[in-house]
Amino acid sequence: MENDAGSQILVSTTVSSSCLIALGSYNKYNNNCYKDTFALCTLNSVTSFVAGFAVFSVLGFMSHELGVDISMVAESGPGLAFIAYPRAVAMMPLPQLWAALFFIMMIFLGLDSEFVFLEGLVTSISDMHPSFFLPGHRRKLLLLVICGVSLVIGLSMVTEGGLYVFLLFDYYVCNGMPIMLFGILESICVGWIFGADCYYDKIKNMIGYYPSSYMKYCWRFFTPFVCAGILLHSLVNFTPLKYNNTYQFSWWSSAIGIFFAFSSVLLTPLWMIYSMAVTPGTVRQREEEEEIISAVAGMQGGRWLKTSKQNSLSSRRVTLVRLRPRGGSMASK
């Protein structure tokens, strides 16, 4: 339960999936991200609170009508959304109206999640290679390819045995341990590798004042320790996947799910090691270069990316590429 609650916070705020970072990169440099953080967290919590009333009031109604305990009505997962909830709606007055509103809500919920996650992925890839993806319609073609691959994967989940494929992805990949590990890595990168004090100064340079000093302790200690505790608790109490407490997944299907989980988790440290190995110069020289880029971004505004790569840091000319919002044309400085 602790793991589900923790992963739900990270998923709903898209903190550990790069979406929030990618969307935030379209803001102006002096945008008050500190105030936006409180607004986002408050709105997310209020939405979850209201959604809890919507879900459990309907399940309570169904439990009362059937004369059984609410724990016997349904479990979390696809059975709640597509079996138990529609059955409960059918027992209400004007069931056609409530059924139509329910499935319209499900469609909108899926669409807005898809928009955000696709934008985060496409922005991350195109920002890594801006000279290739941003000119012309290449960014749109990248989006089309990602949507096509996602469609093929999604089609496997609507077949006769697709529910089992969906549960493997949901249990091992989308929630739980992988995203909790990403939360730990992000906290360590901000609080210790980049440095909480340095990050603190960057925010002050952006918004004009220092945030609460409580944030530094969150970046360094509170967030990584809480995420690590939840992750450790999940590992100690790990149980193989079951469907509806009746069907036990075979060992090889669980092995596939664990492979899916590690395929995303291991890429992050491997890419960190690769980047440290191929980037020229010492760590201090790279920090000085990033400070120059931040200073230019602060003076000129907008989104800037470093594009030039040479074998020697001291002999190269750093080229900054300014990106217009939503993948517009580029200008070098």
C-alpha atoms as a PDB file:
ATOM      1  CA  MET A   1       0.000   0.000   0.000  1.00  0.00           C
ATOM      2  CA  GLU A   2       2.844   2.413   0.816  1.00  0.00           C
ATOM      3  CA  ASN A   3       4.446   1.662  -2.534  1.00  0.00           C
ATOM      4  CA  ASP A   4       1.186   2.295  -4.380  1.00  0.00           C
ATOM      5  CA  ALA A   5       0.664   5.604  -2.572  1.00  0.00           C
ATOM      6  CA  GLY A   6       4.216   6.796  -3.207  1.00  0.00           C
ATOM      7  CA  SER A   7       4.245   5.792  -6.861  1.00  0.00           C
ATOM      8  CA  GLN A   8       0.832   7.422  -7.346  1.00  0.00           C
ATOM      9  CA  ILE A   9       2.236  10.761  -6.162  1.00  0.00           C
ATOM     10  CA  LEU A  10       5.172  10.509  -8.558  1.00  0.00           C
ATOM     11  CA  VAL A  11       2.973   9.414 -11.473  1.00  0.00           C
ATOM     12  CA  SER A  12       0.225  11.990 -10.953  1.00  0.00           C
ATOM     13  CA  THR A  13       2.706  14.870 -10.736  1.00  0.00           C
ATOM     14  CA  THR A  14       4.909  13.321 -13.491  1.00  0.00           C
ATOM     15  CA  VAL A  15       7.963  14.143 -11.378  1.00  0.00           C
ATOM     16  CA  SER A  16       9.986  11.020 -12.215  1.00  0.00           C
ATOM     17  CA  SER A  17       8.961  10.614 -15.854  1.00  0.00           C
ATOM     18  CA  SER A  18      10.602  13.755 -17.345  1.00  0.00           C
ATOM     19  CA  CYS A  19       7.225  15.163 -18.435  1.00  0.00           C
ATOM     20  CA  LEU A  20       7.199  17.990 -15.890  1.00  0.00           C
ATOM     21  CA  ILE A  21      10.764  18.942 -16.794  1.00  0.00           C
ATOM     22  CA  ALA A  22      10.030  18.848 -20.531  1.00  0.00           C
ATOM     23  CA  LEU A  23       6.869  20.934 -20.250  1.00  0.00           C
ATOM     24  CA  GLY A  24       8.540  23.356 -17.839  1.00  0.00           C
ATOM     25  CA  SER A  25      11.308  23.997 -20.379  1.00  0.00           C
ATOM     26  CA  TYR A  26       8.784  25.933 -22.486  1.00  0.00           C
ATOM     27  CA  ASN A  27       8.343  28.533 -19.744  1.00  0.00           C
ATOM     28  CA  LYS A  28      10.147  31.845 -19.772  1.00  0.00           C
ATOM     29  CA  TYR A  29      13.398  31.888 -17.846  1.00  0.00           C
ATOM     30  CA  ASN A  30      11.997  34.178 -15.127  1.00  0.00           C
ATOM     31  CA  ASN A  31       8.776  32.204 -14.679  1.00  0.00           C
ATOM     32  CA  ASN A  32       7.949  31.725 -10.990  1.00  0.00           C
ATOM     33  CA  CYS A  33       8.415  27.960 -10.892  1.00  0.00           C
ATOM     34  CA  TYR A  34       8.397  28.037  -7.072  1.00  0.00           C
ATOM     35  CA  LYS A  35       4.807  29.296  -6.984  1.00  0.00           C
ATOM     36  CA  ASP A  36       3.812  26.896  -9.765  1.00  0.00           C
ATOM     37  CA  THR A  37       5.127  23.996  -7.680  1.00  0.00           C
ATOM     38  CA  PHE A  38       2.757  24.738  -4.804  1.00  0.00           C
ATOM     39  CA  ALA A  39      -0.140  25.276  -7.213  1.00  0.00           C
ATOM     40  CA  LEU A  40       0.521  21.954  -8.964  1.00  0.00           C
ATOM     41  CA  CYS A  41       0.827  19.952  -5.736  1.00  0.00           C
ATOM     42  CA  THR A  42      -2.304  21.537  -4.262  1.00  0.00           C
ATOM     43  CA  LEU A  43      -4.347  20.947  -7.412  1.00  0.00           C
ATOM     44  CA  ASN A  44      -3.132  17.346  -7.638  1.00  0.00           C
ATOM     45  CA  SER A  45      -4.050  16.599  -4.024  1.00  0.00           C
ATOM     46  CA  VAL A  46      -7.479  18.235  -4.294  1.00  0.00           C
ATOM     47  CA  THR A  47      -8.208  16.326  -7.509  1.00  0.00           C
ATOM     48  CA  SER A  48      -7.247  13.027  -5.874  1.00  0.00           C
ATOM     49  CA  PHE A  49      -9.426  13.884  -2.872  1.00  0.00           C
ATOM     50  CA  VAL A  50     -12.453  14.600  -5.063  1.00  0.00           C
ATOM     51  CA  ALA A  51     -11.806  11.471  -7.150  1.00  0.00           C
ATOM     52  CA  GLY A  52     -11.798   9.426  -3.947  1.00  0.00           C
ATOM     53  CA  PHE A  53     -15.343  10.629  -3.181  1.00  0.00           C
ATOM     54  CA  ALA A  54     -16.444   9.757  -6.725  1.00  0.00           C
ATOM     55  CA  VAL A  55     -15.008   6.232  -6.599  1.00  0.00           C
ATOM     56  CA  PHE A  56     -15.765   5.112  -3.054  1.00  0.00           C
ATOM     57  CA  SER A  57     -19.238   6.592  -2.922  1.00  0.00           C
ATOM     58  CA  VAL A  58     -20.180   4.472  -5.946  1.00  0.00           C
ATOM     59  CA  LEU A  59     -18.501   1.376  -4.503  1.00  0.00           C
ATOM     60  CA  GLY A  60     -20.266   1.993  -1.200  1.00  0.00           C
ATOM     61  CA  PHE A  61     -23.585   2.234  -3.028  1.00  0.00           C
ATOM     62  CA  MET A  62     -22.866  -1.057  -4.798  1.00  0.00           C
ATOM     63  CA  SER A  63     -21.828  -2.713  -1.530  1.00  0.00           C
ATOM     64  CA  HIS A  64     -25.066  -1.554   0.110  1.00  0.00           C
ATOM     65  CA  GLU A  65     -27.217  -2.779  -2.780  1.00  0.00           C
ATOM     66  CA  LEU A  66     -25.554  -6.215  -2.875  1.00  0.00           C
ATOM     67  CA  GLY A  67     -25.403  -6.562   0.920  1.00  0.00           C
ATOM     68  CA  VAL A  68     -21.683  -7.445   0.981  1.00  0.00           C
ATOM     69  CA  ASP A  69     -18.569  -5.860   2.451  1.00  0.00           C
ATOM     70  CA  ILE A  70     -16.951  -3.175   0.302  1.00  0.00           C
ATOM     71  CA  SER A  71     -13.721  -5.209   0.103  1.00  0.00           C
ATOM     72  CA  MET A  72     -15.674  -7.879  -1.780  1.00  0.00           C
ATOM     73  CA  VAL A  73     -16.984  -5.497  -4.421  1.00  0.00           C
ATOM     74  CA  ALA A  74     -13.832  -4.910  -6.412  1.00  0.00           C
ATOM     75  CA  GLU A  75     -10.087  -4.554  -6.322  1.00  0.00           C
ATOM     76  CA  SER A  76      -7.848  -1.903  -7.778  1.00  0.00           C
ATOM     77  CA  GLY A  77      -6.824  -2.159 -11.406  1.00  0.00           C
ATOM     78  CA  PRO A  78      -8.732  -2.686 -14.640  1.00  0.00           C
ATOM     79  CA  GLY A  79     -11.466  -4.649 -12.889  1.00  0.00           C
ATOM     80  CA  LEU A  80     -12.485  -1.549 -10.936  1.00  0.00           C
ATOM     81  CA  ALA A  81     -12.778   0.704 -13.994  1.00  0.00           C
ATOM     82  CA  PHE A  82     -14.300  -1.708 -16.511  1.00  0.00           C
ATOM     83  CA  ILE A  83     -16.244  -4.241 -14.422  1.00  0.00           C
ATOM     84  CA  ALA A  84     -17.200  -3.055 -10.946  1.00  0.00           C
ATOM     85  CA  TYR A  85     -17.809   0.630 -11.689  1.00  0.00           C
ATOM     86  CA  PRO A  86     -20.030   0.024 -14.769  1.00  0.00           C
ATOM     87  CA  ARG A  87     -22.042  -2.525 -12.771  1.00  0.00           C
ATOM     88  CA  ALA A  88     -22.564   0.013 -10.012  1.00  0.00           C
ATOM     89  CA  VAL A  89     -23.577   2.700 -12.513  1.00  0.00           C
ATOM     90  CA  ALA A  90     -26.157   0.320 -14.006  1.00  0.00           C
ATOM     91  CA  MET A  91     -27.876   0.123 -10.590  1.00  0.00           C
ATOM     92  CA  MET A  92     -28.350   3.891 -10.319  1.00  0.00           C
ATOM     93  CA  PRO A  93     -31.284   5.982 -11.562  1.00  0.00           C
ATOM     94  CA  LEU A  94     -30.751   7.123 -15.178  1.00  0.00           C
ATOM     95  CA  PRO A  95     -27.985   4.560 -15.773  1.00  0.00           C
ATOM     96  CA  GLN A  96     -27.568   5.603 -19.440  1.00  0.00           C
ATOM     97  CA  LEU A  97     -26.611   9.140 -18.434  1.00  0.00           C
ATOM     98  CA  TRP A  98     -24.107   8.065 -15.781  1.00  0.00           C
ATOM     99  CA  ALA A  99     -22.612   5.398 -18.050  1.00  0.00           C
ATOM    100  CA  ALA A 100     -22.082   7.942 -20.856  1.00  0.00           C
ATOM    101  CA  LEU A 101     -20.479  10.454 -18.458  1.00  0.00           C
ATOM    102  CA  PHE A 102     -18.262   7.756 -16.963  1.00  0.00           C
ATOM    103  CA  PHE A 103     -16.825   6.548 -20.262  1.00  0.00           C
ATOM    104  CA  ILE A 104     -16.396  10.108 -21.569  1.00  0.00           C
ATOM    105  CA  MET A 105     -14.378  10.783 -18.425  1.00  0.00           C
ATOM    106  CA  MET A 106     -12.268   7.663 -19.100  1.00  0.00           C
ATOM    107  CA  ILE A 107     -11.566   8.816 -22.670  1.00  0.00           C
ATOM    108  CA  PHE A 108     -10.529  12.306 -21.565  1.00  0.00           C
ATOM    109  CA  LEU A 109      -8.389  10.861 -18.777  1.00  0.00           C
ATOM    110  CA  GLY A 110      -6.527   8.679 -21.256  1.00  0.00           C
ATOM    111  CA  LEU A 111      -6.123  11.468 -23.805  1.00  0.00           C
ATOM    112  CA  ASP A 112      -4.673  14.059 -21.448  1.00  0.00           C
ATOM    113  CA  SER A 113      -2.237  11.506 -20.006  1.00  0.00           C
ATOM    114  CA  GLU A 114      -1.175  10.538 -23.518  1.00  0.00           C
ATOM    115  CA  PHE A 115      -0.618  14.167 -24.555  1.00  0.00           C
ATOM    116  CA  VAL A 116       1.603  14.902 -21.565  1.00  0.00           C
ATOM    117  CA  PHE A 117       3.729  11.754 -21.736  1.00  0.00           C
ATOM    118  CA  LEU A 118       4.181  11.935 -25.507  1.00  0.00           C
ATOM    119  CA  GLU A 119       5.199  15.594 -25.308  1.00  0.00           C
ATOM    120  CA  GLY A 120       7.690  14.778 -22.588  1.00  0.00           C
ATOM    121  CA  LEU A 121       9.266  11.969 -24.613  1.00  0.00           C
ATOM    122  CA  VAL A 122       9.327  13.858 -27.917  1.00  0.00           C
ATOM    123  CA  THR A 123      10.738  17.012 -26.293  1.00  0.00           C
ATOM    124  CA  SER A 124      13.496  15.028 -24.588  1.00  0.00           C
ATOM    125  CA  ILE A 125      14.559  13.301 -27.810  1.00  0.00           C
ATOM    126  CA  SER A 126      14.338  16.400 -30.016  1.00  0.00           C
ATOM    127  CA  ASP A 127      16.251  18.522 -27.482  1.00  0.00           C
ATOM    128  CA  MET A 128      19.096  15.995 -27.498  1.00  0.00           C
ATOM    129  CA  HIS A 129      19.484  16.391 -31.274  1.00  0.00           C
ATOM    130  CA  PRO A 130      17.883  19.760 -32.104  1.00  0.00           C
ATOM    131  CA  SER A 131      19.739  20.300 -35.388  1.00  0.00           C
ATOM    132  CA  PHE A 132      18.239  17.086 -36.755  1.00  0.00           C
ATOM    133  CA  PHE A 133      14.689  16.958 -35.368  1.00  0.00           C
ATOM    134  CA  LEU A 134      13.587  20.597 -35.216  1.00  0.00           C
ATOM    135  CA  PRO A 135      13.964  21.707 -38.869  1.00  0.00           C
ATOM    136  CA  GLY A 136      11.023  20.922 -41.134  1.00  0.00           C
ATOM    137  CA  HIS A 137       8.560  18.242 -40.084  1.00  0.00           C
ATOM    138  CA  ARG A 138      11.004  15.793 -38.527  1.00  0.00           C
ATOM    139  CA  ARG A 139       9.656  16.388 -35.029  1.00  0.00           C
ATOM    140  CA  LYS A 140       6.155  15.536 -36.223  1.00  0.00           C
ATOM    141  CA  LEU A 141       7.481  12.390 -37.913  1.00  0.00           C
ATOM    142  CA  LEU A 142       9.175  11.412 -34.647  1.00  0.00           C
ATOM    143  CA  LEU A 143       5.853  11.842 -32.869  1.00  0.00           C
ATOM    144  CA  LEU A 144       4.146   9.728 -35.541  1.00  0.00           C
ATOM    145  CA  VAL A 145       6.683   6.909 -35.140  1.00  0.00           C
ATOM    146  CA  ILE A 146       6.317   6.885 -31.350  1.00  0.00           C
ATOM    147  CA  CYS A 147       2.518   6.836 -31.650  1.00  0.00           C
ATOM    148  CA  GLY A 148       2.732   3.961 -34.146  1.00  0.00           C
ATOM    149  CA  VAL A 149       4.947   1.871 -31.881  1.00  0.00           C
ATOM    150  CA  SER A 150       2.683   2.620 -28.914  1.00  0.00           C
ATOM    151  CA  LEU A 151      -0.346   1.588 -30.967  1.00  0.00           C
ATOM    152  CA  VAL A 152       1.213  -1.790 -31.813  1.00  0.00           C
ATOM    153  CA  ILE A 153       2.063  -2.404 -28.157  1.00  0.00           C
ATOM    154  CA  GLY A 154      -1.426  -1.292 -27.119  1.00  0.00           C
ATOM    155  CA  LEU A 155      -3.091  -3.647 -29.616  1.00  0.00           C
ATOM    156  CA  SER A 156      -1.492  -6.583 -27.825  1.00  0.00           C
ATOM    157  CA  MET A 157      -3.402  -5.542 -24.705  1.00  0.00           C
ATOM    158  CA  VAL A 158      -6.864  -5.684 -26.279  1.00  0.00           C
ATOM    159  CA  THR A 159      -6.573  -9.269 -27.552  1.00  0.00           C
ATOM    160  CA  GLU A 160      -8.135 -12.232 -25.791  1.00  0.00           C
ATOM    161  CA  GLY A 161      -5.162 -12.553 -23.456  1.00  0.00           C
ATOM    162  CA  GLY A 162      -4.331  -8.864 -23.520  1.00  0.00           C
ATOM    163  CA  LEU A 163      -5.358  -8.314 -19.920  1.00  0.00           C
ATOM    164  CA  TYR A 164      -2.434 -10.428 -18.760  1.00  0.00           C
ATOM    165  CA  VAL A 165      -0.019  -8.372 -20.895  1.00  0.00           C
ATOM    166  CA  PHE A 166      -1.508  -5.190 -19.448  1.00  0.00           C
ATOM    167  CA  LEU A 167      -1.096  -6.452 -15.884  1.00  0.00           C
ATOM    168  CA  LEU A 168       2.572  -7.297 -16.531  1.00  0.00           C
ATOM    169  CA  PHE A 169       3.258  -3.749 -17.733  1.00  0.00           C
ATOM    170  CA  ASP A 170       1.187  -2.170 -14.965  1.00  0.00           C
ATOM    171  CA  TYR A 171       2.601  -4.223 -12.090  1.00  0.00           C
ATOM    172  CA  TYR A 172       6.281  -4.312 -13.012  1.00  0.00           C
ATOM    173  CA  VAL A 173       6.925  -1.260 -15.219  1.00  0.00           C
ATOM    174  CA  CYS A 174       4.414   1.585 -14.883  1.00  0.00           C
ATOM    175  CA  ASN A 175       4.103   1.672 -11.104  1.00  0.00           C
ATOM    176  CA  GLY A 176       6.112   0.677  -8.079  1.00  0.00           C
ATOM    177  CA  MET A 177       9.826   0.084  -7.931  1.00  0.00           C
ATOM    178  CA  PRO A 178      11.101   1.591 -11.232  1.00  0.00           C
ATOM    179  CA  ILE A 179       9.517   5.006 -10.782  1.00  0.00           C
ATOM    180  CA  MET A 180      10.497   5.045  -7.104  1.00  0.00           C
ATOM    181  CA  LEU A 181      14.104   4.408  -8.100  1.00  0.00           C
ATOM    182  CA  PHE A 182      13.925   7.283 -10.576  1.00  0.00           C
ATOM    183  CA  GLY A 183      12.702   9.499  -7.754  1.00  0.00           C
ATOM    184  CA  ILE A 184      15.764   8.553  -5.684  1.00  0.00           C
ATOM    185  CA  LEU A 185      18.127   9.230  -8.601  1.00  0.00           C
ATOM    186  CA  GLU A 186      16.569  12.627  -9.325  1.00  0.00           C
ATOM    187  CA  SER A 187      16.875  13.668  -5.680  1.00  0.00           C
ATOM    188  CA  ILE A 188      20.503  12.581  -5.536  1.00  0.00           C
ATOM    189  CA  CYS A 189      21.315  14.406  -8.774  1.00  0.00           C
ATOM    190  CA  VAL A 190      19.718  17.652  -7.592  1.00  0.00           C
ATOM    191  CA  GLY A 191      20.718  17.537  -3.931  1.00  0.00           C
ATOM    192  CA  TRP A 192      24.212  16.061  -4.094  1.00  0.00           C
ATOM    193  CA  ILE A 193      25.667  15.872  -7.619  1.00  0.00           C
ATOM    194  CA  PHE A 194      24.524  19.248  -8.948  1.00  0.00           C
ATOM    195  CA  GLY A 195      24.345  20.530  -5.396  1.00  0.00           C
ATOM    196  CA  ALA A 196      21.411  21.819  -3.385  1.00  0.00           C
ATOM    197  CA  ASP A 197      23.099  25.187  -2.761  1.00  0.00           C
ATOM    198  CA  CYS A 198      23.883  25.632  -6.448  1.00  0.00           C
ATOM    199  CA  TYR A 199      20.322  24.682  -7.375  1.00  0.00           C
ATOM    200  CA  TYR A 200      19.093  27.095  -4.717  1.00  0.00           C
ATOM    201  CA  ASP A 201      21.086  29.924  -6.335  1.00  0.00           C
ATOM    202  CA  LYS A 202      19.750  29.014  -9.795  1.00  0.00           C
ATOM    203  CA  ILE A 203      16.167  29.330  -8.593  1.00  0.00           C
ATOM    204  CA  LYS A 204      16.957  32.679  -6.975  1.00  0.00           C
ATOM    205  CA  ASN A 205      18.442  33.861 -10.274  1.00  0.00           C
ATOM    206  CA  MET A 206      15.226  32.848 -12.039  1.00  0.00           C
ATOM    207  CA  ILE A 207      12.499  34.102  -9.694  1.00  0.00           C
ATOM    208  CA  GLY A 208      14.367  36.891  -7.881  1.00  0.00           C
ATOM    209  CA  TYR A 209      14.302  35.517  -4.327  1.00  0.00           C
ATOM    210  CA  TYR A 210      15.372  32.421  -2.414  1.00  0.00           C
ATOM    211  CA  PRO A 211      12.806  29.697  -1.739  1.00  0.00           C
ATOM    212  CA  SER A 212      12.323  28.298   1.733  1.00  0.00           C
ATOM    213  CA  SER A 213      15.436  26.604   3.113  1.00  0.00           C
ATOM    214  CA  TYR A 214      13.199  23.615   3.829  1.00  0.00           C
ATOM    215  CA  MET A 215      13.507  22.737   0.131  1.00  0.00           C
ATOM    216  CA  LYS A 216      17.224  22.062   0.419  1.00  0.00           C
ATOM    217  CA  TYR A 217      16.640  19.513   3.167  1.00  0.00           C
ATOM    218  CA  CYS A 218      13.963  17.860   1.039  1.00  0.00           C
ATOM    219  CA  TRP A 219      16.304  17.557  -1.957  1.00  0.00           C
ATOM    220  CA  ARG A 220      19.170  16.207   0.108  1.00  0.00           C
ATOM    221  CA  PHE A 221      17.582  14.088   2.819  1.00  0.00           C
ATOM    222  CA  PHE A 222      13.807  13.859   3.114  1.00  0.00           C
ATOM    223  CA  THR A 223      12.840  12.869  -0.439  1.00  0.00           C
ATOM    224  CA  PRO A 224      15.605  10.322  -1.153  1.00  0.00           C
ATOM    225  CA  PHE A 225      15.255   8.690   2.277  1.00  0.00           C
ATOM    226  CA  VAL A 226      11.465   8.410   2.014  1.00  0.00           C
ATOM    227  CA  CYS A 227      11.676   7.001  -1.529  1.00  0.00           C
ATOM    228  CA  ALA A 228      14.439   4.599  -0.474  1.00  0.00           C
ATOM    229  CA  GLY A 229      12.381   3.439   2.509  1.00  0.00           C
ATOM    230  CA  ILE A 230       9.334   2.793   0.329  1.00  0.00           C
ATOM    231  CA  LEU A 231      11.488   0.975  -2.246  1.00  0.00           C
ATOM    232  CA  LEU A 232      13.114  -1.189   0.422  1.00  0.00           C
ATOM    233  CA  HIS A 233       9.720  -1.997   1.920  1.00  0.00           C
ATOM    234  CA  SER A 234       8.459  -3.023  -1.529  1.00  0.00           C
ATOM    235  CA  LEU A 235      11.461  -5.299  -2.119  1.00  0.00           C
ATOM    236  CA  VAL A 236      11.108  -6.991   1.268  1.00  0.00           C
ATOM    237  CA  ASN A 237       7.366  -7.564   0.827  1.00  0.00           C
ATOM    238  CA  PHE A 238       7.502  -8.367  -2.894  1.00  0.00           C
ATOM    239  CA  THR A 239       4.973 -10.972  -4.049  1.00  0.00           C
ATOM    240  CA  PRO A 240       4.527 -12.422  -7.551  1.00  0.00           C
ATOM    241  CA  LEU A 241       1.721 -11.016  -9.636  1.00  0.00           C
ATOM    242  CA  LYS A 242      -1.772 -12.468  -9.218  1.00  0.00           C
ATOM    243  CA  TYR A 243      -4.929 -11.649 -11.121  1.00  0.00           C
ATOM    244  CA  ASN A 244      -8.054 -11.242  -9.006  1.00  0.00           C
ATOM    245  CA  ASN A 245      -6.368 -13.265  -6.225  1.00  0.00           C
ATOM    246  CA  THR A 246      -7.029 -16.427  -8.210  1.00  0.00           C
ATOM    247  CA  TYR A 247      -4.704 -16.721 -11.205  1.00  0.00           C
ATOM    248  CA  GLN A 248      -1.009 -17.041 -10.352  1.00  0.00           C
ATOM    249  CA  PHE A 249       1.292 -15.822 -13.124  1.00  0.00           C
ATOM    250  CA  SER A 250       3.934 -18.352 -14.163  1.00  0.00           C
ATOM    251  CA  TRP A 251       7.603 -17.856 -13.323  1.00  0.00           C
ATOM    252  CA  TRP A 252       8.553 -17.063 -16.914  1.00  0.00           C
ATOM    253  CA  SER A 253       5.871 -14.374 -17.239  1.00  0.00           C
ATOM    254  CA  SER A 254       7.102 -12.786 -14.004  1.00  0.00           C
ATOM    255  CA  ALA A 255      10.637 -12.963 -15.420  1.00  0.00           C
ATOM    256  CA  ILE A 256       9.451 -11.052 -18.498  1.00  0.00           C
ATOM    257  CA  GLY A 257       7.872  -8.404 -16.271  1.00  0.00           C
ATOM    258  CA  ILE A 258      11.068  -8.026 -14.231  1.00  0.00           C
ATOM    259  CA  PHE A 259      13.042  -7.749 -17.485  1.00  0.00           C
ATOM    260  CA  PHE A 260      10.712  -4.950 -18.626  1.00  0.00           C
ATOM    261  CA  ALA A 261      11.292  -3.163 -15.323  1.00  0.00           C
ATOM    262  CA  PHE A 262      15.095  -3.423 -15.489  1.00  0.00           C
ATOM    263  CA  SER A 263      15.126  -2.413 -19.158  1.00  0.00           C
ATOM    264  CA  SER A 264      14.011   1.075 -18.158  1.00  0.00           C
ATOM    265  CA  VAL A 265      15.796   1.311 -14.809  1.00  0.00           C
ATOM    266  CA  LEU A 266      19.268   0.289 -16.018  1.00  0.00           C
ATOM    267  CA  LEU A 267      19.287   2.725 -18.931  1.00  0.00           C
ATOM    268  CA  THR A 268      19.600   5.714 -16.583  1.00  0.00           C
ATOM    269  CA  PRO A 269      22.858   4.765 -14.787  1.00  0.00           C
ATOM    270  CA  LEU A 270      24.316   3.339 -18.016  1.00  0.00           C
ATOM    271  CA  TRP A 271      23.621   6.608 -19.842  1.00  0.00           C
ATOM    272  CA  MET A 272      25.133   8.580 -16.957  1.00  0.00           C
ATOM    273  CA  ILE A 273      28.351   6.542 -17.198  1.00  0.00           C
ATOM    274  CA  TYR A 274      28.392   6.903 -20.987  1.00  0.00           C
ATOM    275  CA  SER A 275      27.902  10.683 -20.807  1.00  0.00           C
ATOM    276  CA  MET A 276      30.692  11.063 -18.255  1.00  0.00           C
ATOM    277  CA  ALA A 277      33.001   9.000 -20.460  1.00  0.00           C
ATOM    278  CA  VAL A 278      32.429  10.745 -23.808  1.00  0.00           C
ATOM    279  CA  THR A 279      32.039  14.372 -22.649  1.00  0.00           C
ATOM    280  CA  PRO A 280      35.423  16.151 -22.904  1.00  0.00           C
ATOM    281  CA  GLY A 281      36.942  18.111 -20.045  1.00  0.00           C
ATOM    282  CA  THR A 282      36.937  17.730 -16.300  1.00  0.00           C
ATOM    283  CA  VAL A 283      33.833  17.940 -14.153  1.00  0.00           C
ATOM    284  CA  ARG A 284      34.768  21.474 -13.080  1.00  0.00           C
ATOM    285  CA  GLN A 285      35.158  22.602 -16.692  1.00  0.00           C
ATOM    286  CA  ARG A 286      31.729  21.231 -17.550  1.00  0.00           C
ATOM    287  CA  GLU A 287      30.209  23.052 -14.573  1.00  0.00           C
ATOM    288  CA  GLU A 288      31.745  26.336 -15.750  1.00  0.00           C
ATOM    289  CA  GLU A 289      30.362  25.762 -19.224  1.00  0.00           C
ATOM    290  CA  GLU A 290      26.860  25.092 -17.872  1.00  0.00           C
ATOM    291  CA  GLU A 291      27.086  28.311 -15.841  1.00  0.00           C
ATOM    292  CA  ILE A 292      27.815  30.231 -19.055  1.00  0.00           C
ATOM    293  CA  ILE A 293      24.791  28.639 -20.737  1.00  0.00           C
ATOM    294  CA  SER A 294      22.560  29.506 -17.760  1.00  0.00           C
ATOM    295  CA  ALA A 295      23.832  33.091 -17.788  1.00  0.00           C
ATOM    296  CA  VAL A 296      23.055  33.476 -21.498  1.00  0.00           C
ATOM    297  CA  ALA A 297      19.609  31.956 -20.983  1.00  0.00           C
ATOM    298  CA  GLY A 298      18.965  34.367 -18.138  1.00  0.00           C
ATOM    299  CA  MET A 299      19.960  37.404 -20.215  1.00  0.00           C
ATOM    300  CA  GLN A 300      18.201  36.423 -23.436  1.00  0.00           C
ATOM    301  CA  GLY A 301      15.311  34.269 -22.193  1.00  0.00           C
ATOM    302  CA  GLY A 302      13.890  31.224 -23.933  1.00  0.00           C
ATOM    303  CA  ARG A 303      15.259  27.710 -24.234  1.00  0.00           C
ATOM    304  CA  TRP A 304      18.924  27.186 -25.135  1.00  0.00           C
ATOM    305  CA  LEU A 305      20.823  24.030 -25.969  1.00  0.00           C
ATOM    306  CA  LYS A 306      24.514  23.406 -26.459  1.00  0.00           C
ATOM    307  CA  THR A 307      25.166  21.712 -29.816  1.00  0.00           C
ATOM    308  CA  SER A 308      28.867  21.814 -30.688  1.00  0.00           C
ATOM    309  CA  LYS A 309      31.055  18.823 -29.839  1.00  0.00           C
ATOM    310  CA  GLN A 310      34.826  18.627 -30.261  1.00  0.00           C
ATOM    311  CA  ASN A 311      37.508  16.354 -28.863  1.00  0.00           C
ATOM    312  CA  SER A 312      39.013  19.070 -26.671  1.00  0.00           C
ATOM    313  CA  LEU A 313      36.991  21.310 -24.409  1.00  0.00           C
ATOM    314  CA  SER A 314      39.622  24.053 -24.383  1.00  0.00           C
ATOM    315  CA  SER A 315      39.808  24.227 -28.196  1.00  0.00           C
ATOM    316  CA  ARG A 316      36.132  24.183 -29.063  1.00  0.00           C
ATOM    317  CA  ARG A 317      33.744  27.067 -29.596  1.00  0.00           C
ATOM    318  CA  VAL A 318      30.533  26.527 -27.659  1.00  0.00           C
ATOM    319  CA  THR A 319      27.476  27.073 -29.816  1.00  0.00           C
ATOM    320  CA  LEU A 320      24.132  27.738 -28.181  1.00  0.00           C
ATOM    321  CA  VAL A 321      20.915  27.063 -30.035  1.00  0.00           C
ATOM    322  CA  ARG A 322      17.819  28.978 -29.044  1.00  0.00           C
ATOM    323  CA  LEU A 323      14.632  26.959 -29.356  1.00  0.00           C
ATOM    324  CA  ARG A 324      11.307  28.559 -29.997  1.00  0.00           C
ATOM    325  CA  PRO A 325       8.389  27.101 -28.033  1.00  0.00           C
ATOM    326  CA  ARG A 326       6.672  24.068 -29.554  1.00  0.00           C
ATOM    327  CA  GLY A 327       9.499  23.100 -31.865  1.00  0.00           C
ATOM    328  CA  GLY A 328       9.833  26.309 -33.901  1.00  0.00           C
ATOM    329  CA  SER A 329      12.835  27.408 -35.955  1.00  0.00           C
ATOM    330  CA  MET A 330      16.296  27.879 -34.461  1.00  0.00           C
ATOM    331  CA  ALA A 331      18.740  30.702 -34.155  1.00  0.00           C
ATOM    332  CA  SER A 332      22.375  30.391 -33.069  1.00  0.00           C
ATOM    333  CA  LYS A 333      24.260  32.682 -30.812  1.00  0.00           C
END
